[in-house]
Amino acid sequence: MGILNFFSKAKAGPSLERLPKGCVTVDRNGAIVTSTLSQSFPETKVNRIIQDVMAIFRSAQEAQLVFNELQLTYPALRITAKELKGGAMIFISPP
C-alpha cells in the first residue's frame, strides 16, 4: 500500500501572493521610514518599486520639471507616489 501514499501527496505548485495594499514612506536615500504593507509581500519587490519611483522623481528634478505625483496602473497593481522634498510616499493597492 506504500504506492498509494506516493500518489496521495499533492505536489506543491507555485504559491500565490496576495495583492499588496498599503503605503511606504521613504527618505531621500530610498530607505523605508514607515510601511503599512503586509510582511508577506516580498521585500525585494518593495525595494524595486522604491528604486524605480525614486529614479523617476530624480530624473524629473534633473530635467527641471515640476513633477509632484506619479500614478502607474497595471492590470494587477496600482502605484501612486507623491514626492516629499527628496523622499516619497508610495501607495500600493489592487486596481
N, C-alpha and C. Protein backbone atom coordinates (compact mmCIF):
# COMPACT_ATOMS: atom_id res chain seq x y z
N MET A 1 0.80 -1.20 0.00
CA MET A 1 0.00 0.00 0.00
C MET A 1 0.85 1.27 0.00
N GLY A 2 2.14 1.13 0.03
CA GLY A 2 3.02 2.29 0.02
C GLY A 2 2.88 3.10 -1.26
N ILE A 3 2.53 2.45 -2.36
CA ILE A 3 2.38 3.16 -3.63
C ILE A 3 1.22 4.15 -3.58
N LEU A 4 0.18 3.84 -2.83
CA LEU A 4 -0.95 4.76 -2.72
C LEU A 4 -0.57 6.03 -1.97
N ASN A 5 0.33 5.90 -1.00
CA ASN A 5 0.80 7.09 -0.28
C ASN A 5 1.55 8.04 -1.22
N PHE A 6 2.27 7.46 -2.18
CA PHE A 6 3.01 8.28 -3.14
C PHE A 6 2.06 9.15 -3.96
N PHE A 7 0.97 8.57 -4.41
CA PHE A 7 0.03 9.32 -5.24
C PHE A 7 -0.87 10.26 -4.45
N SER A 8 -1.04 10.00 -3.17
CA SER A 8 -1.94 10.83 -2.37
C SER A 8 -1.31 12.16 -1.98
N LYS A 9 0.00 12.26 -2.05
CA LYS A 9 0.67 13.50 -1.70
C LYS A 9 0.55 14.49 -2.85
N ALA A 10 -0.09 15.59 -2.59
CA ALA A 10 -0.24 16.60 -3.64
C ALA A 10 1.07 17.37 -3.78
N LYS A 11 1.48 17.58 -5.00
CA LYS A 11 2.69 18.34 -5.23
C LYS A 11 2.37 19.82 -5.07
N ALA A 12 3.25 20.50 -4.41
CA ALA A 12 3.05 21.93 -4.18
C ALA A 12 3.34 22.68 -5.47
N GLY A 13 2.36 23.43 -5.94
CA GLY A 13 2.53 24.25 -7.13
C GLY A 13 3.08 25.60 -6.75
N PRO A 14 3.13 26.51 -7.70
CA PRO A 14 3.62 27.84 -7.37
C PRO A 14 2.70 28.53 -6.37
N SER A 15 3.29 29.19 -5.41
CA SER A 15 2.48 29.83 -4.38
C SER A 15 1.91 31.14 -4.91
N LEU A 16 0.72 31.44 -4.52
CA LEU A 16 0.08 32.69 -4.92
C LEU A 16 0.37 33.76 -3.89
N GLU A 17 0.67 34.95 -4.38
CA GLU A 17 0.92 36.07 -3.48
C GLU A 17 -0.36 36.89 -3.38
N ARG A 18 -0.64 37.35 -2.20
CA ARG A 18 -1.78 38.25 -2.04
C ARG A 18 -1.39 39.60 -2.61
N LEU A 19 -2.34 40.25 -3.23
CA LEU A 19 -2.06 41.57 -3.78
C LEU A 19 -1.81 42.53 -2.62
N PRO A 20 -0.78 43.34 -2.74
CA PRO A 20 -0.44 44.23 -1.64
C PRO A 20 -1.40 45.40 -1.54
N LYS A 21 -1.52 45.92 -0.35
CA LYS A 21 -2.33 47.11 -0.12
C LYS A 21 -1.70 47.83 1.07
N GLY A 22 -1.25 49.05 0.83
CA GLY A 22 -0.64 49.79 1.91
C GLY A 22 0.18 50.95 1.39
N CYS A 23 0.96 51.51 2.28
CA CYS A 23 1.74 52.70 1.97
C CYS A 23 3.15 52.53 2.51
N VAL A 24 4.11 53.08 1.76
CA VAL A 24 5.50 53.07 2.18
C VAL A 24 6.00 54.51 2.10
N THR A 25 6.63 54.98 3.16
CA THR A 25 7.26 56.30 3.15
C THR A 25 8.76 56.09 3.18
N VAL A 26 9.45 56.76 2.25
CA VAL A 26 10.90 56.61 2.15
C VAL A 26 11.58 57.96 2.24
N ASP A 27 12.82 57.96 2.73
CA ASP A 27 13.58 59.21 2.80
C ASP A 27 14.29 59.44 1.47
N ARG A 28 15.08 60.50 1.38
CA ARG A 28 15.72 60.85 0.11
C ARG A 28 16.72 59.82 -0.37
N ASN A 29 17.19 58.93 0.50
CA ASN A 29 18.12 57.88 0.11
C ASN A 29 17.40 56.59 -0.30
N GLY A 30 16.08 56.57 -0.20
CA GLY A 30 15.31 55.39 -0.55
C GLY A 30 15.13 54.41 0.59
N ALA A 31 15.55 54.79 1.79
CA ALA A 31 15.38 53.91 2.96
C ALA A 31 13.94 54.02 3.48
N ILE A 32 13.37 52.91 3.84
CA ILE A 32 11.99 52.89 4.33
C ILE A 32 11.93 53.51 5.72
N VAL A 33 11.05 54.52 5.87
CA VAL A 33 10.83 55.17 7.16
C VAL A 33 9.65 54.51 7.85
N THR A 34 8.53 54.39 7.13
CA THR A 34 7.35 53.70 7.67
C THR A 34 6.73 52.86 6.57
N SER A 35 6.01 51.82 6.97
CA SER A 35 5.35 50.96 6.00
C SER A 35 4.11 50.33 6.61
N THR A 36 3.04 50.29 5.83
CA THR A 36 1.83 49.59 6.27
C THR A 36 1.56 48.38 5.38
N LEU A 37 2.53 48.02 4.55
CA LEU A 37 2.39 46.84 3.70
C LEU A 37 2.52 45.57 4.53
N SER A 38 1.84 44.53 4.09
CA SER A 38 1.95 43.24 4.76
C SER A 38 3.36 42.70 4.61
N GLN A 39 3.84 42.03 5.63
CA GLN A 39 5.17 41.44 5.56
C GLN A 39 5.22 40.25 4.63
N SER A 40 4.06 39.76 4.19
CA SER A 40 4.05 38.64 3.25
C SER A 40 4.41 39.10 1.83
N PHE A 41 4.30 40.40 1.56
CA PHE A 41 4.70 40.92 0.25
C PHE A 41 6.23 40.98 0.22
N PRO A 42 6.85 40.37 -0.79
CA PRO A 42 8.32 40.25 -0.81
C PRO A 42 9.04 41.60 -0.73
N GLU A 43 10.03 41.65 0.13
CA GLU A 43 10.80 42.88 0.32
C GLU A 43 11.55 43.27 -0.95
N THR A 44 11.96 42.27 -1.73
CA THR A 44 12.67 42.58 -2.97
C THR A 44 11.79 43.36 -3.94
N LYS A 45 10.52 43.02 -3.98
CA LYS A 45 9.59 43.74 -4.86
C LYS A 45 9.32 45.15 -4.36
N VAL A 46 9.21 45.30 -3.05
CA VAL A 46 9.01 46.64 -2.47
C VAL A 46 10.22 47.51 -2.78
N ASN A 47 11.42 46.96 -2.60
CA ASN A 47 12.63 47.73 -2.88
C ASN A 47 12.73 48.11 -4.35
N ARG A 48 12.31 47.23 -5.24
CA ARG A 48 12.34 47.53 -6.68
C ARG A 48 11.37 48.67 -7.01
N ILE A 49 10.20 48.66 -6.43
CA ILE A 49 9.23 49.73 -6.64
C ILE A 49 9.80 51.05 -6.14
N ILE A 50 10.41 51.02 -4.95
CA ILE A 50 11.01 52.23 -4.36
C ILE A 50 12.10 52.78 -5.28
N GLN A 51 12.99 51.91 -5.74
CA GLN A 51 14.09 52.34 -6.61
C GLN A 51 13.57 53.00 -7.88
N ASP A 52 12.56 52.39 -8.49
CA ASP A 52 12.02 52.93 -9.74
C ASP A 52 11.33 54.27 -9.53
N VAL A 53 10.54 54.38 -8.47
CA VAL A 53 9.84 55.64 -8.19
C VAL A 53 10.84 56.75 -7.89
N MET A 54 11.84 56.46 -7.07
CA MET A 54 12.84 57.47 -6.74
C MET A 54 13.63 57.90 -7.98
N ALA A 55 13.93 56.96 -8.88
CA ALA A 55 14.64 57.28 -10.11
C ALA A 55 13.81 58.20 -11.00
N ILE A 56 12.51 57.97 -11.06
CA ILE A 56 11.63 58.83 -11.87
C ILE A 56 11.60 60.24 -11.29
N PHE A 57 11.47 60.35 -9.97
CA PHE A 57 11.44 61.68 -9.35
C PHE A 57 12.78 62.41 -9.53
N ARG A 58 13.90 61.68 -9.41
CA ARG A 58 15.21 62.31 -9.62
C ARG A 58 15.38 62.79 -11.06
N SER A 59 14.94 61.98 -12.01
CA SER A 59 15.05 62.36 -13.42
C SER A 59 14.22 63.60 -13.72
N ALA A 60 13.04 63.67 -13.15
CA ALA A 60 12.20 64.85 -13.36
C ALA A 60 12.85 66.09 -12.75
N GLN A 61 13.46 65.94 -11.59
CA GLN A 61 14.12 67.06 -10.94
C GLN A 61 15.32 67.53 -11.75
N GLU A 62 16.10 66.59 -12.28
CA GLU A 62 17.26 66.95 -13.10
C GLU A 62 16.84 67.66 -14.39
N ALA A 63 15.67 67.28 -14.92
CA ALA A 63 15.16 67.93 -16.13
C ALA A 63 14.41 69.22 -15.82
N GLN A 64 14.39 69.59 -14.54
CA GLN A 64 13.72 70.80 -14.05
C GLN A 64 12.23 70.81 -14.38
N LEU A 65 11.60 69.65 -14.20
CA LEU A 65 10.17 69.52 -14.40
C LEU A 65 9.46 69.57 -13.05
N VAL A 66 8.33 70.22 -13.00
CA VAL A 66 7.52 70.21 -11.80
C VAL A 66 6.72 68.91 -11.83
N PHE A 67 7.12 68.01 -10.99
CA PHE A 67 6.58 66.65 -11.03
C PHE A 67 6.40 66.19 -9.59
N ASN A 68 5.19 66.32 -9.06
CA ASN A 68 4.95 66.02 -7.65
C ASN A 68 4.25 64.70 -7.40
N GLU A 69 3.58 64.17 -8.43
CA GLU A 69 2.80 62.95 -8.23
C GLU A 69 2.95 62.03 -9.43
N LEU A 70 2.98 60.74 -9.15
CA LEU A 70 3.14 59.73 -10.18
C LEU A 70 2.05 58.68 -9.98
N GLN A 71 1.37 58.32 -11.06
CA GLN A 71 0.36 57.27 -10.99
C GLN A 71 0.65 56.23 -12.06
N LEU A 72 0.82 55.00 -11.62
CA LEU A 72 1.06 53.88 -12.52
C LEU A 72 -0.04 52.85 -12.29
N THR A 73 -0.67 52.40 -13.36
CA THR A 73 -1.72 51.41 -13.23
C THR A 73 -1.39 50.21 -14.11
N TYR A 74 -1.28 49.07 -13.48
CA TYR A 74 -1.04 47.81 -14.16
C TYR A 74 -2.28 46.95 -13.98
N PRO A 75 -2.42 45.84 -14.74
CA PRO A 75 -3.61 45.00 -14.59
C PRO A 75 -3.84 44.49 -13.17
N ALA A 76 -2.78 44.26 -12.41
CA ALA A 76 -2.94 43.70 -11.07
C ALA A 76 -2.45 44.61 -9.96
N LEU A 77 -2.03 45.83 -10.29
CA LEU A 77 -1.42 46.67 -9.27
C LEU A 77 -1.54 48.15 -9.64
N ARG A 78 -1.82 48.99 -8.67
CA ARG A 78 -1.83 50.44 -8.86
C ARG A 78 -0.83 51.05 -7.90
N ILE A 79 0.03 51.91 -8.44
CA ILE A 79 1.04 52.59 -7.64
C ILE A 79 0.84 54.09 -7.79
N THR A 80 0.67 54.78 -6.66
CA THR A 80 0.57 56.23 -6.65
C THR A 80 1.67 56.72 -5.72
N ALA A 81 2.49 57.64 -6.22
CA ALA A 81 3.61 58.14 -5.42
C ALA A 81 3.57 59.66 -5.37
N LYS A 82 3.86 60.22 -4.21
CA LYS A 82 3.91 61.66 -4.03
C LYS A 82 5.30 62.03 -3.52
N GLU A 83 5.88 63.03 -4.15
CA GLU A 83 7.22 63.48 -3.79
C GLU A 83 7.16 64.30 -2.52
N LEU A 84 8.09 64.05 -1.59
CA LEU A 84 8.11 64.74 -0.31
C LEU A 84 9.50 65.32 -0.04
N LYS A 85 9.84 66.39 -0.71
CA LYS A 85 11.13 67.08 -0.50
C LYS A 85 12.30 66.11 -0.51
N GLY A 86 12.42 65.34 -1.56
CA GLY A 86 13.50 64.39 -1.70
C GLY A 86 13.09 62.97 -1.42
N GLY A 87 12.18 62.77 -0.51
CA GLY A 87 11.66 61.44 -0.21
C GLY A 87 10.38 61.21 -0.99
N ALA A 88 9.65 60.20 -0.61
CA ALA A 88 8.40 59.91 -1.31
C ALA A 88 7.46 59.12 -0.41
N MET A 89 6.17 59.26 -0.69
CA MET A 89 5.14 58.43 -0.07
C MET A 89 4.54 57.63 -1.21
N ILE A 90 4.62 56.32 -1.10
CA ILE A 90 4.20 55.43 -2.18
C ILE A 90 3.02 54.59 -1.71
N PHE A 91 1.90 54.73 -2.42
CA PHE A 91 0.68 53.97 -2.11
C PHE A 91 0.59 52.82 -3.11
N ILE A 92 0.42 51.61 -2.60
CA ILE A 92 0.32 50.42 -3.44
C ILE A 92 -1.02 49.75 -3.14
N SER A 93 -1.77 49.46 -4.21
CA SER A 93 -3.08 48.84 -4.00
C SER A 93 -3.49 48.06 -5.24
N PRO A 94 -4.44 47.14 -5.08
CA PRO A 94 -5.00 46.48 -6.25
C PRO A 94 -5.82 47.51 -7.03
N PRO A 95 -5.94 47.34 -8.35
CA PRO A 95 -6.72 48.33 -9.13
C PRO A 95 -8.20 48.25 -8.82
